Amino acid sequence: MLPCNCPSCQSRLNVRSLKCENCGTEVNGNYELPVWLQLSQPEQDFILLFVKSSGSLKEMAARMKLSYPTVRNLLNEIINKLGSYEK
């Protein structure tokens, strides 16, 4: 998993360099990570399942073997977390 926070001070990390493994081209700069990459792996997995389920929380609940209200609460937590990343 991609680290998103500094291990020393917990500030958000930015991407400084990207490299093509095929030809060796390297792009340097100071780029912010996309918001969805700043979520935890389980949160990213939840969003992926949400998309694959066409946004059906009922279907997600069945696939995750959780109650509908539990899945709704998980979604609300992610929505709130995403809101905290707004500038």
PDB file of N, CA and C in Angstrom:
ATOM      1  N   MET A   1       0.841  -1.178   0.000  1.00  0.00           N
ATOM      2  CA  MET A   1       0.000   0.000   0.000  1.00  0.00           C
ATOM      3  C   MET A   1       0.884   1.239   0.000  1.00  0.00           C
ATOM      4  N   LEU A   2       0.452   2.223  -0.706  1.00  0.00           N
ATOM      5  CA  LEU A   2       1.165   3.481  -0.838  1.00  0.00           C
ATOM      6  C   LEU A   2       1.094   4.258   0.474  1.00  0.00           C
ATOM      7  N   PRO A   3       2.225   4.691   1.032  1.00  0.00           N
ATOM      8  CA  PRO A   3       2.158   5.502   2.246  1.00  0.00           C
ATOM      9  C   PRO A   3       1.586   6.875   1.922  1.00  0.00           C
ATOM     10  N   CYS A   4       0.720   7.369   2.771  1.00  0.00           N
ATOM     11  CA  CYS A   4       0.071   8.661   2.536  1.00  0.00           C
ATOM     12  C   CYS A   4       0.467   9.710   3.558  1.00  0.00           C
ATOM     13  N   ASN A   5       0.946   9.264   4.725  1.00  0.00           N
ATOM     14  CA  ASN A   5       1.312  10.195   5.789  1.00  0.00           C
ATOM     15  C   ASN A   5       2.761   9.996   6.198  1.00  0.00           C
ATOM     16  N   CYS A   6       3.383  11.096   6.587  1.00  0.00           N
ATOM     17  CA  CYS A   6       4.766  11.073   7.046  1.00  0.00           C
ATOM     18  C   CYS A   6       4.870  10.225   8.315  1.00  0.00           C
ATOM     19  N   PRO A   7       5.816   9.295   8.373  1.00  0.00           N
ATOM     20  CA  PRO A   7       5.952   8.476   9.580  1.00  0.00           C
ATOM     21  C   PRO A   7       6.443   9.269  10.787  1.00  0.00           C
ATOM     22  N   SER A   8       7.031  10.439  10.553  1.00  0.00           N
ATOM     23  CA  SER A   8       7.542  11.248  11.668  1.00  0.00           C
ATOM     24  C   SER A   8       6.497  12.186  12.243  1.00  0.00           C
ATOM     25  N   CYS A   9       5.814  12.949  11.358  1.00  0.00           N
ATOM     26  CA  CYS A   9       4.910  13.986  11.862  1.00  0.00           C
ATOM     27  C   CYS A   9       3.458  13.785  11.453  1.00  0.00           C
ATOM     28  N   GLN A  10       3.168  12.757  10.668  1.00  0.00           N
ATOM     29  CA  GLN A  10       1.821  12.408  10.205  1.00  0.00           C
ATOM     30  C   GLN A  10       1.222  13.398   9.196  1.00  0.00           C
ATOM     31  N   SER A  11       2.030  14.348   8.682  1.00  0.00           N
ATOM     32  CA  SER A  11       1.548  15.236   7.619  1.00  0.00           C
ATOM     33  C   SER A  11       1.351  14.434   6.349  1.00  0.00           C
ATOM     34  N   ARG A  12       0.506  14.944   5.447  1.00  0.00           N
ATOM     35  CA  ARG A  12       0.282  14.259   4.177  1.00  0.00           C
ATOM     36  C   ARG A  12       1.534  14.295   3.321  1.00  0.00           C
ATOM     37  N   LEU A  13       1.814  13.156   2.695  1.00  0.00           N
ATOM     38  CA  LEU A  13       2.938  13.069   1.768  1.00  0.00           C
ATOM     39  C   LEU A  13       2.473  13.443   0.367  1.00  0.00           C
ATOM     40  N   ASN A  14       3.364  14.005  -0.434  1.00  0.00           N
ATOM     41  CA  ASN A  14       3.123  14.284  -1.842  1.00  0.00           C
ATOM     42  C   ASN A  14       4.029  13.394  -2.669  1.00  0.00           C
ATOM     43  N   VAL A  15       3.647  13.182  -3.913  1.00  0.00           N
ATOM     44  CA  VAL A  15       4.478  12.422  -4.843  1.00  0.00           C
ATOM     45  C   VAL A  15       5.517  13.372  -5.409  1.00  0.00           C
ATOM     46  N   ARG A  16       6.765  12.948  -5.409  1.00  0.00           N
ATOM     47  CA  ARG A  16       7.842  13.794  -5.908  1.00  0.00           C
ATOM     48  C   ARG A  16       8.380  13.301  -7.254  1.00  0.00           C
ATOM     49  N   SER A  17       8.288  12.007  -7.492  1.00  0.00           N
ATOM     50  CA  SER A  17       8.887  11.452  -8.697  1.00  0.00           C
ATOM     51  C   SER A  17       8.093  10.245  -9.173  1.00  0.00           C
ATOM     52  N   LEU A  18       7.937  10.145 -10.487  1.00  0.00           N
ATOM     53  CA  LEU A  18       7.333   8.980 -11.121  1.00  0.00           C
ATOM     54  C   LEU A  18       8.304   8.491 -12.179  1.00  0.00           C
ATOM     55  N   LYS A  19       8.464   7.168 -12.281  1.00  0.00           N
ATOM     56  CA  LYS A  19       9.449   6.619 -13.204  1.00  0.00           C
ATOM     57  C   LYS A  19       8.837   5.493 -14.024  1.00  0.00           C
ATOM     58  N   CYS A  20       9.095   5.523 -15.332  1.00  0.00           N
ATOM     59  CA  CYS A  20       8.676   4.450 -16.220  1.00  0.00           C
ATOM     60  C   CYS A  20       9.694   3.317 -16.097  1.00  0.00           C
ATOM     61  N   GLU A  21       9.242   2.158 -15.680  1.00  0.00           N
ATOM     62  CA  GLU A  21      10.140   1.010 -15.532  1.00  0.00           C
ATOM     63  C   GLU A  21      10.574   0.461 -16.887  1.00  0.00           C
ATOM     64  N   ASN A  22       9.820   0.777 -17.946  1.00  0.00           N
ATOM     65  CA  ASN A  22      10.140   0.274 -19.271  1.00  0.00           C
ATOM     66  C   ASN A  22      11.307   1.030 -19.911  1.00  0.00           C
ATOM     67  N   CYS A  23      11.221   2.361 -19.937  1.00  0.00           N
ATOM     68  CA  CYS A  23      12.245   3.137 -20.645  1.00  0.00           C
ATOM     69  C   CYS A  23      13.120   3.987 -19.732  1.00  0.00           C
ATOM     70  N   GLY A  24      12.765   4.078 -18.458  1.00  0.00           N
ATOM     71  CA  GLY A  24      13.576   4.844 -17.514  1.00  0.00           C
ATOM     72  C   GLY A  24      13.242   6.318 -17.432  1.00  0.00           C
ATOM     73  N   THR A  25      12.276   6.792 -18.214  1.00  0.00           N
ATOM     74  CA  THR A  25      11.877   8.203 -18.133  1.00  0.00           C
ATOM     75  C   THR A  25      11.382   8.500 -16.733  1.00  0.00           C
ATOM     76  N   GLU A  26      11.796   9.641 -16.203  1.00  0.00           N
ATOM     77  CA  GLU A  26      11.402  10.035 -14.862  1.00  0.00           C
ATOM     78  C   GLU A  26      10.779  11.423 -14.911  1.00  0.00           C
ATOM     79  N   VAL A  27       9.660  11.595 -14.214  1.00  0.00           N
ATOM     80  CA  VAL A  27       8.971  12.873 -14.105  1.00  0.00           C
ATOM     81  C   VAL A  27       9.101  13.323 -12.663  1.00  0.00           C
ATOM     82  N   ASN A  28       9.647  14.510 -12.463  1.00  0.00           N
ATOM     83  CA  ASN A  28       9.834  15.045 -11.112  1.00  0.00           C
ATOM     84  C   ASN A  28       8.954  16.269 -10.911  1.00  0.00           C
ATOM     85  N   GLY A  29       8.495  16.442  -9.714  1.00  0.00           N
ATOM     86  CA  GLY A  29       7.658  17.585  -9.367  1.00  0.00           C
ATOM     87  C   GLY A  29       7.160  17.434  -7.947  1.00  0.00           C
ATOM     88  N   ASN A  30       6.086  18.111  -7.641  1.00  0.00           N
ATOM     89  CA  ASN A  30       5.472  18.024  -6.320  1.00  0.00           C
ATOM     90  C   ASN A  30       3.971  17.884  -6.537  1.00  0.00           C
ATOM     91  N   TYR A  31       3.479  16.645  -6.501  1.00  0.00           N
ATOM     92  CA  TYR A  31       2.103  16.346  -6.837  1.00  0.00           C
ATOM     93  C   TYR A  31       1.370  15.789  -5.625  1.00  0.00           C
ATOM     94  N   GLU A  32       0.154  16.299  -5.402  1.00  0.00           N
ATOM     95  CA  GLU A  32      -0.672  15.755  -4.330  1.00  0.00           C
ATOM     96  C   GLU A  32      -1.240  14.417  -4.761  1.00  0.00           C
ATOM     97  N   LEU A  33      -1.396  13.514  -3.802  1.00  0.00           N
ATOM     98  CA  LEU A  33      -2.037  12.230  -4.065  1.00  0.00           C
ATOM     99  C   LEU A  33      -3.524  12.451  -4.302  1.00  0.00           C
ATOM    100  N   PRO A  34      -4.124  11.720  -5.231  1.00  0.00           N
ATOM    101  CA  PRO A  34      -5.582  11.803  -5.374  1.00  0.00           C
ATOM    102  C   PRO A  34      -6.258  11.418  -4.060  1.00  0.00           C
ATOM    103  N   VAL A  35      -7.395  12.020  -3.806  1.00  0.00           N
ATOM    104  CA  VAL A  35      -8.100  11.814  -2.538  1.00  0.00           C
ATOM    105  C   VAL A  35      -8.343  10.342  -2.251  1.00  0.00           C
ATOM    106  N   TRP A  36      -8.781   9.571  -3.264  1.00  0.00           N
ATOM    107  CA  TRP A  36      -9.118   8.162  -3.012  1.00  0.00           C
ATOM    108  C   TRP A  36      -7.898   7.343  -2.615  1.00  0.00           C
ATOM    109  N   LEU A  37      -6.691   7.783  -3.004  1.00  0.00           N
ATOM    110  CA  LEU A  37      -5.489   7.057  -2.590  1.00  0.00           C
ATOM    111  C   LEU A  37      -5.092   7.383  -1.157  1.00  0.00           C
ATOM    112  N   GLN A  38      -5.702   8.412  -0.597  1.00  0.00           N
ATOM    113  CA  GLN A  38      -5.434   8.766   0.792  1.00  0.00           C
ATOM    114  C   GLN A  38      -6.317   7.988   1.758  1.00  0.00           C
ATOM    115  N   LEU A  39      -7.261   7.236   1.208  1.00  0.00           N
ATOM    116  CA  LEU A  39      -8.109   6.372   2.038  1.00  0.00           C
ATOM    117  C   LEU A  39      -7.361   5.085   2.365  1.00  0.00           C
ATOM    118  N   SER A  40      -7.790   4.415   3.418  1.00  0.00           N
ATOM    119  CA  SER A  40      -7.190   3.131   3.783  1.00  0.00           C
ATOM    120  C   SER A  40      -7.535   2.086   2.723  1.00  0.00           C
ATOM    121  N   GLN A  41      -6.796   0.988   2.713  1.00  0.00           N
ATOM    122  CA  GLN A  41      -7.078  -0.073   1.738  1.00  0.00           C
ATOM    123  C   GLN A  41      -8.494  -0.623   1.888  1.00  0.00           C
ATOM    124  N   PRO A  42      -8.978  -0.879   3.123  1.00  0.00           N
ATOM    125  CA  PRO A  42     -10.369  -1.354   3.235  1.00  0.00           C
ATOM    126  C   PRO A  42     -11.383  -0.331   2.697  1.00  0.00           C
ATOM    127  N   GLU A  43     -11.116   0.962   2.874  1.00  0.00           N
ATOM    128  CA  GLU A  43     -12.017   1.984   2.349  1.00  0.00           C
ATOM    129  C   GLU A  43     -11.978   2.009   0.814  1.00  0.00           C
ATOM    130  N   GLN A  44     -10.788   1.840   0.249  1.00  0.00           N
ATOM    131  CA  GLN A  44     -10.669   1.775  -1.211  1.00  0.00           C
ATOM    132  C   GLN A  44     -11.402   0.538  -1.741  1.00  0.00           C
ATOM    133  N   ASP A  45     -11.269  -0.583  -1.044  1.00  0.00           N
ATOM    134  CA  ASP A  45     -11.962  -1.813  -1.448  1.00  0.00           C
ATOM    135  C   ASP A  45     -13.478  -1.619  -1.387  1.00  0.00           C
ATOM    136  N   PHE A  46     -13.944  -0.906  -0.373  1.00  0.00           N
ATOM    137  CA  PHE A  46     -15.371  -0.627  -0.226  1.00  0.00           C
ATOM    138  C   PHE A  46     -15.869   0.177  -1.425  1.00  0.00           C
ATOM    139  N   ILE A  47     -15.127   1.214  -1.809  1.00  0.00           N
ATOM    140  CA  ILE A  47     -15.524   2.052  -2.943  1.00  0.00           C
ATOM    141  C   ILE A  47     -15.542   1.227  -4.231  1.00  0.00           C
ATOM    142  N   LEU A  48     -14.553   0.371  -4.406  1.00  0.00           N
ATOM    143  CA  LEU A  48     -14.518  -0.488  -5.593  1.00  0.00           C
ATOM    144  C   LEU A  48     -15.751  -1.399  -5.643  1.00  0.00           C
ATOM    145  N   LEU A  49     -16.096  -2.002  -4.516  1.00  0.00           N
ATOM    146  CA  LEU A  49     -17.282  -2.854  -4.455  1.00  0.00           C
ATOM    147  C   LEU A  49     -18.548  -2.027  -4.697  1.00  0.00           C
ATOM    148  N   PHE A  50     -18.579  -0.806  -4.188  1.00  0.00           N
ATOM    149  CA  PHE A  50     -19.713   0.093  -4.399  1.00  0.00           C
ATOM    150  C   PHE A  50     -19.931   0.326  -5.893  1.00  0.00           C
ATOM    151  N   VAL A  51     -18.855   0.590  -6.604  1.00  0.00           N
ATOM    152  CA  VAL A  51     -18.947   0.812  -8.051  1.00  0.00           C
ATOM    153  C   VAL A  51     -19.367  -0.476  -8.760  1.00  0.00           C
ATOM    154  N   LYS A  52     -18.747  -1.591  -8.406  1.00  0.00           N
ATOM    155  CA  LYS A  52     -19.095  -2.868  -9.032  1.00  0.00           C
ATOM    156  C   LYS A  52     -20.541  -3.268  -8.760  1.00  0.00           C
ATOM    157  N   SER A  53     -21.081  -2.782  -7.650  1.00  0.00           N
ATOM    158  CA  SER A  53     -22.474  -3.080  -7.288  1.00  0.00           C
ATOM    159  C   SER A  53     -23.428  -2.016  -7.808  1.00  0.00           C
ATOM    160  N   SER A  54     -22.934  -1.157  -8.689  1.00  0.00           N
ATOM    161  CA  SER A  54     -23.734  -0.059  -9.258  1.00  0.00           C
ATOM    162  C   SER A  54     -24.359   0.817  -8.182  1.00  0.00           C
ATOM    163  N   GLY A  55     -23.675   0.948  -7.073  1.00  0.00           N
ATOM    164  CA  GLY A  55     -24.159   1.804  -5.993  1.00  0.00           C
ATOM    165  C   GLY A  55     -25.274   1.207  -5.163  1.00  0.00           C
ATOM    166  N   SER A  56     -25.534  -0.076  -5.324  1.00  0.00           N
ATOM    167  CA  SER A  56     -26.603  -0.728  -4.576  1.00  0.00           C
ATOM    168  C   SER A  56     -26.087  -1.171  -3.206  1.00  0.00           C
ATOM    169  N   LEU A  57     -26.505  -0.455  -2.177  1.00  0.00           N
ATOM    170  CA  LEU A  57     -26.095  -0.834  -0.825  1.00  0.00           C
ATOM    171  C   LEU A  57     -26.722  -2.164  -0.412  1.00  0.00           C
ATOM    172  N   LYS A  58     -27.897  -2.458  -0.941  1.00  0.00           N
ATOM    173  CA  LYS A  58     -28.544  -3.732  -0.651  1.00  0.00           C
ATOM    174  C   LYS A  58     -27.686  -4.887  -1.186  1.00  0.00           C
ATOM    175  N   GLU A  59     -27.192  -4.737  -2.417  1.00  0.00           N
ATOM    176  CA  GLU A  59     -26.330  -5.766  -2.997  1.00  0.00           C
ATOM    177  C   GLU A  59     -25.011  -5.858  -2.227  1.00  0.00           C
ATOM    178  N   MET A  60     -24.469  -4.714  -1.850  1.00  0.00           N
ATOM    179  CA  MET A  60     -23.220  -4.720  -1.088  1.00  0.00           C
ATOM    180  C   MET A  60     -23.402  -5.436   0.243  1.00  0.00           C
ATOM    181  N   ALA A  61     -24.499  -5.162   0.909  1.00  0.00           N
ATOM    182  CA  ALA A  61     -24.764  -5.800   2.202  1.00  0.00           C
ATOM    183  C   ALA A  61     -24.785  -7.320   2.048  1.00  0.00           C
ATOM    184  N   ALA A  62     -25.421  -7.785   0.985  1.00  0.00           N
ATOM    185  CA  ALA A  62     -25.478  -9.231   0.747  1.00  0.00           C
ATOM    186  C   ALA A  62     -24.087  -9.788   0.463  1.00  0.00           C
ATOM    187  N   ARG A  63     -23.309  -9.102  -0.379  1.00  0.00           N
ATOM    188  CA  ARG A  63     -21.974  -9.587  -0.735  1.00  0.00           C
ATOM    189  C   ARG A  63     -21.020  -9.536   0.454  1.00  0.00           C
ATOM    190  N   MET A  64     -21.193  -8.525   1.320  1.00  0.00           N
ATOM    191  CA  MET A  64     -20.297  -8.372   2.470  1.00  0.00           C
ATOM    192  C   MET A  64     -20.793  -9.149   3.693  1.00  0.00           C
ATOM    193  N   LYS A  65     -22.013  -9.702   3.573  1.00  0.00           N
ATOM    194  CA  LYS A  65     -22.639 -10.418   4.690  1.00  0.00           C
ATOM    195  C   LYS A  65     -22.765  -9.521   5.923  1.00  0.00           C
ATOM    196  N   LEU A  66     -23.214  -8.286   5.657  1.00  0.00           N
ATOM    197  CA  LEU A  66     -23.455  -7.305   6.704  1.00  0.00           C
ATOM    198  C   LEU A  66     -24.869  -6.776   6.551  1.00  0.00           C
ATOM    199  N   SER A  67     -25.376  -6.142   7.592  1.00  0.00           N
ATOM    200  CA  SER A  67     -26.706  -5.554   7.496  1.00  0.00           C
ATOM    201  C   SER A  67     -26.641  -4.278   6.656  1.00  0.00           C
ATOM    202  N   TYR A  68     -27.788  -3.936   6.071  1.00  0.00           N
ATOM    203  CA  TYR A  68     -27.879  -2.717   5.274  1.00  0.00           C
ATOM    204  C   TYR A  68     -27.450  -1.493   6.094  1.00  0.00           C
ATOM    205  N   PRO A  69     -27.953  -1.316   7.352  1.00  0.00           N
ATOM    206  CA  PRO A  69     -27.535  -0.140   8.124  1.00  0.00           C
ATOM    207  C   PRO A  69     -26.023  -0.091   8.384  1.00  0.00           C
ATOM    208  N   THR A  70     -25.399  -1.239   8.553  1.00  0.00           N
ATOM    209  CA  THR A  70     -23.953  -1.269   8.761  1.00  0.00           C
ATOM    210  C   THR A  70     -23.223  -0.782   7.517  1.00  0.00           C
ATOM    211  N   VAL A  71     -23.663  -1.259   6.346  1.00  0.00           N
ATOM    212  CA  VAL A  71     -23.043  -0.835   5.094  1.00  0.00           C
ATOM    213  C   VAL A  71     -23.286   0.656   4.876  1.00  0.00           C
ATOM    214  N   ARG A  72     -24.478   1.129   5.184  1.00  0.00           N
ATOM    215  CA  ARG A  72     -24.794   2.559   5.057  1.00  0.00           C
ATOM    216  C   ARG A  72     -23.887   3.379   5.964  1.00  0.00           C
ATOM    217  N   ASN A  73     -23.642   2.900   7.188  1.00  0.00           N
ATOM    218  CA  ASN A  73     -22.755   3.611   8.113  1.00  0.00           C
ATOM    219  C   ASN A  73     -21.322   3.638   7.598  1.00  0.00           C
ATOM    220  N   LEU A  74     -20.867   2.535   7.006  1.00  0.00           N
ATOM    221  CA  LEU A  74     -19.522   2.507   6.425  1.00  0.00           C
ATOM    222  C   LEU A  74     -19.404   3.538   5.304  1.00  0.00           C
ATOM    223  N   LEU A  75     -20.429   3.606   4.464  1.00  0.00           N
ATOM    224  CA  LEU A  75     -20.427   4.586   3.385  1.00  0.00           C
ATOM    225  C   LEU A  75     -20.412   6.009   3.945  1.00  0.00           C
ATOM    226  N   ASN A  76     -21.221   6.263   4.960  1.00  0.00           N
ATOM    227  CA  ASN A  76     -21.252   7.593   5.577  1.00  0.00           C
ATOM    228  C   ASN A  76     -19.889   7.976   6.155  1.00  0.00           C
ATOM    229  N   GLU A  77     -19.201   7.012   6.757  1.00  0.00           N
ATOM    230  CA  GLU A  77     -17.867   7.287   7.308  1.00  0.00           C
ATOM    231  C   GLU A  77     -16.894   7.691   6.201  1.00  0.00           C
ATOM    232  N   ILE A  78     -16.960   7.005   5.068  1.00  0.00           N
ATOM    233  CA  ILE A  78     -16.079   7.331   3.947  1.00  0.00           C
ATOM    234  C   ILE A  78     -16.441   8.709   3.378  1.00  0.00           C
ATOM    235  N   ILE A  79     -17.740   8.988   3.254  1.00  0.00           N
ATOM    236  CA  ILE A  79     -18.174  10.299   2.768  1.00  0.00           C
ATOM    237  C   ILE A  79     -17.651  11.394   3.678  1.00  0.00           C
ATOM    238  N   ASN A  80     -17.766  11.213   4.972  1.00  0.00           N
ATOM    239  CA  ASN A  80     -17.259  12.203   5.928  1.00  0.00           C
ATOM    240  C   ASN A  80     -15.770  12.371   5.828  1.00  0.00           C
ATOM    241  N   LYS A  81     -15.060  11.257   5.669  1.00  0.00           N
ATOM    242  CA  LYS A  81     -13.600  11.316   5.550  1.00  0.00           C
ATOM    243  C   LYS A  81     -13.201  12.056   4.277  1.00  0.00           C
ATOM    244  N   LEU A  82     -13.880  11.783   3.174  1.00  0.00           N
ATOM    245  CA  LEU A  82     -13.594  12.462   1.921  1.00  0.00           C
ATOM    246  C   LEU A  82     -13.867  13.964   2.049  1.00  0.00           C
ATOM    247  N   GLY A  83     -14.895  14.318   2.795  1.00  0.00           N
ATOM    248  CA  GLY A  83     -15.204  15.731   3.023  1.00  0.00           C
ATOM    249  C   GLY A  83     -14.110  16.451   3.783  1.00  0.00           C
ATOM    250  N   SER A  84     -13.389  15.724   4.632  1.00  0.00           N
ATOM    251  CA  SER A  84     -12.314  16.348   5.423  1.00  0.00           C
ATOM    252  C   SER A  84     -11.083  16.644   4.571  1.00  0.00           C
ATOM    253  N   TYR A  85     -11.017  16.062   3.358  1.00  0.00           N
ATOM    254  CA  TYR A  85      -9.876  16.316   2.466  1.00  0.00           C
ATOM    255  C   TYR A  85     -10.085  17.541   1.596  1.00  0.00           C
ATOM    256  N   GLU A  86     -11.280  18.128   1.647  1.00  0.00           N
ATOM    257  CA  GLU A  86     -11.531  19.308   0.818  1.00  0.00           C
ATOM    258  C   GLU A  86     -10.615  20.450   1.247  1.00  0.00           C
ATOM    259  N   LYS A  87     -10.254  21.224   0.254  1.00  0.00           N
ATOM    260  CA  LYS A  87      -9.364  22.368   0.530  1.00  0.00           C
ATOM    261  C   LYS A  87     -10.162  23.563   0.939  1.00  0.00           C
TER     262      LYS A  87
END
